[in-house]
Amino acid sequence: MFGDKSRWKVRVRVWIYRDGEKVLGPGRAELLGHIEREGSISAAAKRMAMSYRRAWTLVREMNDRAGEPLVELATGGAGGGGAHLTPRGKEALAQYQRLLTRAARAAQAARHNTRK
């Protein structure tokens, strides 16, 4: 079916929607992972070469669209501010990563099946 099979590639991108609006996708999941490790939206944004404003907008969208916070913010002060994933945020990120693994396996299987 695919003719020269060596030239065909299977790529999968996974997005999670709620009520027709994007909640999680590759960039947002990466941002959540950096927030988890760095404890800060600003530091996570820097790791991704993203503006703080863009990162903050994505966090706000994810929190609003998920129907409950995925990221919880601590305001500044003597100890400084910060951010961390809520239990729901950790679960959403873990589920997204499991979906990616399944999708990658399915893509690999599809690629293997086209070689027959």
C-alpha atoms as a PDB file:
ATOM      1  CA  MET A   1       0.000   0.000   0.000  1.00  0.00           C
ATOM      2  CA  PHE A   2       2.780   2.448   0.885  1.00  0.00           C
ATOM      3  CA  GLY A   3       5.097   1.721  -2.059  1.00  0.00           C
ATOM      4  CA  ASP A   4       8.616   2.637  -0.908  1.00  0.00           C
ATOM      5  CA  LYS A   5       8.047   1.834   2.762  1.00  0.00           C
ATOM      6  CA  SER A   6      11.417   3.166   3.908  1.00  0.00           C
ATOM      7  CA  ARG A   7      10.224   6.707   3.149  1.00  0.00           C
ATOM      8  CA  TRP A   8       7.037   6.474   5.237  1.00  0.00           C
ATOM      9  CA  LYS A   9       7.068   7.475   8.898  1.00  0.00           C
ATOM     10  CA  VAL A  10       4.354   7.226  11.511  1.00  0.00           C
ATOM     11  CA  ARG A  11       4.150  10.108  13.976  1.00  0.00           C
ATOM     12  CA  VAL A  12       1.560  10.565  16.663  1.00  0.00           C
ATOM     13  CA  ARG A  13       0.761  13.687  18.659  1.00  0.00           C
ATOM     14  CA  VAL A  14      -1.530  13.313  21.625  1.00  0.00           C
ATOM     15  CA  TRP A  15      -3.805  16.059  22.902  1.00  0.00           C
ATOM     16  CA  ILE A  16      -6.291  15.806  25.738  1.00  0.00           C
ATOM     17  CA  TYR A  17      -9.425  17.932  25.432  1.00  0.00           C
ATOM     18  CA  ARG A  18     -12.195  18.756  27.871  1.00  0.00           C
ATOM     19  CA  ASP A  19     -15.430  20.229  26.545  1.00  0.00           C
ATOM     20  CA  GLY A  20     -13.756  20.807  23.181  1.00  0.00           C
ATOM     21  CA  GLU A  21     -10.820  22.792  24.601  1.00  0.00           C
ATOM     22  CA  LYS A  22      -7.194  21.685  24.737  1.00  0.00           C
ATOM     23  CA  VAL A  23      -6.017  20.891  28.239  1.00  0.00           C
ATOM     24  CA  LEU A  24      -2.814  18.918  27.693  1.00  0.00           C
ATOM     25  CA  GLY A  25      -0.497  18.380  24.772  1.00  0.00           C
ATOM     26  CA  PRO A  26       3.231  17.981  24.187  1.00  0.00           C
ATOM     27  CA  GLY A  27       4.304  21.494  25.192  1.00  0.00           C
ATOM     28  CA  ARG A  28       1.931  21.798  28.113  1.00  0.00           C
ATOM     29  CA  ALA A  29       2.975  18.411  29.469  1.00  0.00           C
ATOM     30  CA  GLU A  30       6.629  19.436  29.162  1.00  0.00           C
ATOM     31  CA  LEU A  31       5.829  22.658  31.033  1.00  0.00           C
ATOM     32  CA  LEU A  32       4.115  20.712  33.823  1.00  0.00           C
ATOM     33  CA  GLY A  33       7.137  18.437  34.098  1.00  0.00           C
ATOM     34  CA  HIS A  34       9.483  21.405  34.429  1.00  0.00           C
ATOM     35  CA  ILE A  35       7.222  23.053  37.008  1.00  0.00           C
ATOM     36  CA  GLU A  36       7.271  19.801  38.982  1.00  0.00           C
ATOM     37  CA  ARG A  37      11.088  19.653  38.923  1.00  0.00           C
ATOM     38  CA  GLU A  38      11.841  23.367  39.283  1.00  0.00           C
ATOM     39  CA  GLY A  39       9.060  24.432  41.660  1.00  0.00           C
ATOM     40  CA  SER A  40       8.591  27.603  39.652  1.00  0.00           C
ATOM     41  CA  ILE A  41       6.772  28.744  36.532  1.00  0.00           C
ATOM     42  CA  SER A  42       9.560  31.207  35.793  1.00  0.00           C
ATOM     43  CA  ALA A  43      12.290  28.558  35.999  1.00  0.00           C
ATOM     44  CA  ALA A  44      10.169  26.134  33.940  1.00  0.00           C
ATOM     45  CA  ALA A  45       9.676  28.806  31.278  1.00  0.00           C
ATOM     46  CA  LYS A  46      13.418  29.456  31.123  1.00  0.00           C
ATOM     47  CA  ARG A  47      14.119  25.734  30.673  1.00  0.00           C
ATOM     48  CA  MET A  48      11.818  25.801  27.657  1.00  0.00           C
ATOM     49  CA  ALA A  49      13.091  29.121  26.262  1.00  0.00           C
ATOM     50  CA  MET A  50       9.557  30.450  26.745  1.00  0.00           C
ATOM     51  CA  SER A  51       8.473  33.793  28.121  1.00  0.00           C
ATOM     52  CA  TYR A  52       7.087  33.833  31.642  1.00  0.00           C
ATOM     53  CA  ARG A  53       3.928  35.440  30.284  1.00  0.00           C
ATOM     54  CA  ARG A  54       3.360  32.554  27.834  1.00  0.00           C
ATOM     55  CA  ALA A  55       4.019  29.947  30.538  1.00  0.00           C
ATOM     56  CA  TRP A  56       1.653  31.707  32.934  1.00  0.00           C
ATOM     57  CA  THR A  57      -1.026  31.866  30.224  1.00  0.00           C
ATOM     58  CA  LEU A  58      -0.679  28.128  29.557  1.00  0.00           C
ATOM     59  CA  VAL A  59      -0.892  27.315  33.275  1.00  0.00           C
ATOM     60  CA  ARG A  60      -3.995  29.469  33.657  1.00  0.00           C
ATOM     61  CA  GLU A  61      -5.600  27.814  30.604  1.00  0.00           C
ATOM     62  CA  MET A  62      -4.801  24.309  31.868  1.00  0.00           C
ATOM     63  CA  ASN A  63      -6.186  25.085  35.317  1.00  0.00           C
ATOM     64  CA  ASP A  64      -9.360  26.651  33.901  1.00  0.00           C
ATOM     65  CA  ARG A  65      -9.971  24.024  31.237  1.00  0.00           C
ATOM     66  CA  ALA A  66      -9.266  21.046  33.502  1.00  0.00           C
ATOM     67  CA  GLY A  67     -12.067  22.138  35.810  1.00  0.00           C
ATOM     68  CA  GLU A  68      -9.708  22.025  38.780  1.00  0.00           C
ATOM     69  CA  PRO A  69      -6.174  23.287  39.327  1.00  0.00           C
ATOM     70  CA  LEU A  70      -3.326  21.239  37.909  1.00  0.00           C
ATOM     71  CA  VAL A  71      -0.789  23.788  39.148  1.00  0.00           C
ATOM     72  CA  GLU A  72      -0.994  25.566  42.478  1.00  0.00           C
ATOM     73  CA  LEU A  73       0.776  28.868  42.977  1.00  0.00           C
ATOM     74  CA  ALA A  74       2.379  30.314  46.084  1.00  0.00           C
ATOM     75  CA  THR A  75       2.670  34.095  46.153  1.00  0.00           C
ATOM     76  CA  GLY A  76       5.992  35.792  46.781  1.00  0.00           C
ATOM     77  CA  GLY A  77       7.156  37.108  50.082  1.00  0.00           C
ATOM     78  CA  ALA A  78      10.059  36.464  52.425  1.00  0.00           C
ATOM     79  CA  GLY A  79      10.429  32.865  51.227  1.00  0.00           C
ATOM     80  CA  GLY A  80       9.634  33.733  47.635  1.00  0.00           C
ATOM     81  CA  GLY A  81       6.851  32.364  45.506  1.00  0.00           C
ATOM     82  CA  GLY A  82       6.684  29.146  43.629  1.00  0.00           C
ATOM     83  CA  ALA A  83       4.470  26.646  41.953  1.00  0.00           C
ATOM     84  CA  HIS A  84       3.827  22.941  42.248  1.00  0.00           C
ATOM     85  CA  LEU A  85       1.565  20.369  40.688  1.00  0.00           C
ATOM     86  CA  THR A  86      -1.544  19.486  42.598  1.00  0.00           C
ATOM     87  CA  PRO A  87      -2.332  15.796  43.093  1.00  0.00           C
ATOM     88  CA  ARG A  88      -4.679  16.097  40.096  1.00  0.00           C
ATOM     89  CA  GLY A  89      -1.896  17.747  38.085  1.00  0.00           C
ATOM     90  CA  LYS A  90       0.490  14.904  38.895  1.00  0.00           C
ATOM     91  CA  GLU A  91      -2.121  12.355  37.894  1.00  0.00           C
ATOM     92  CA  ALA A  92      -2.975  14.212  34.666  1.00  0.00           C
ATOM     93  CA  LEU A  93       0.713  14.341  33.710  1.00  0.00           C
ATOM     94  CA  ALA A  94       1.206  10.645  34.532  1.00  0.00           C
ATOM     95  CA  GLN A  95      -1.865   9.661  32.498  1.00  0.00           C
ATOM     96  CA  TYR A  96      -0.699  11.798  29.583  1.00  0.00           C
ATOM     97  CA  GLN A  97       2.710  10.111  29.656  1.00  0.00           C
ATOM     98  CA  ARG A  98       1.050   6.665  29.707  1.00  0.00           C
ATOM     99  CA  LEU A  99      -1.049   7.673  26.673  1.00  0.00           C
ATOM    100  CA  LEU A 100       2.117   8.747  24.860  1.00  0.00           C
ATOM    101  CA  THR A 101       3.729   5.389  25.575  1.00  0.00           C
ATOM    102  CA  ARG A 102       0.681   3.530  24.253  1.00  0.00           C
ATOM    103  CA  ALA A 103       0.494   5.740  21.173  1.00  0.00           C
ATOM    104  CA  ALA A 104       4.195   5.198  20.446  1.00  0.00           C
ATOM    105  CA  ARG A 105       3.728   1.432  20.716  1.00  0.00           C
ATOM    106  CA  ALA A 106       0.720   1.567  18.392  1.00  0.00           C
ATOM    107  CA  ALA A 107       2.662   3.675  15.885  1.00  0.00           C
ATOM    108  CA  GLN A 108       5.566   1.232  16.026  1.00  0.00           C
ATOM    109  CA  ALA A 109       3.201  -1.701  15.513  1.00  0.00           C
ATOM    110  CA  ALA A 110       1.580   0.067  12.550  1.00  0.00           C
ATOM    111  CA  ARG A 111       4.985   0.731  11.056  1.00  0.00           C
ATOM    112  CA  HIS A 112       5.980  -2.895  11.556  1.00  0.00           C
ATOM    113  CA  ASN A 113       2.719  -4.135   9.994  1.00  0.00           C
ATOM    114  CA  THR A 114       3.283  -2.059   6.853  1.00  0.00           C
ATOM    115  CA  ARG A 115       6.557  -3.857   6.243  1.00  0.00           C
ATOM    116  CA  LYS A 116       4.819  -7.190   5.697  1.00  0.00           C
END
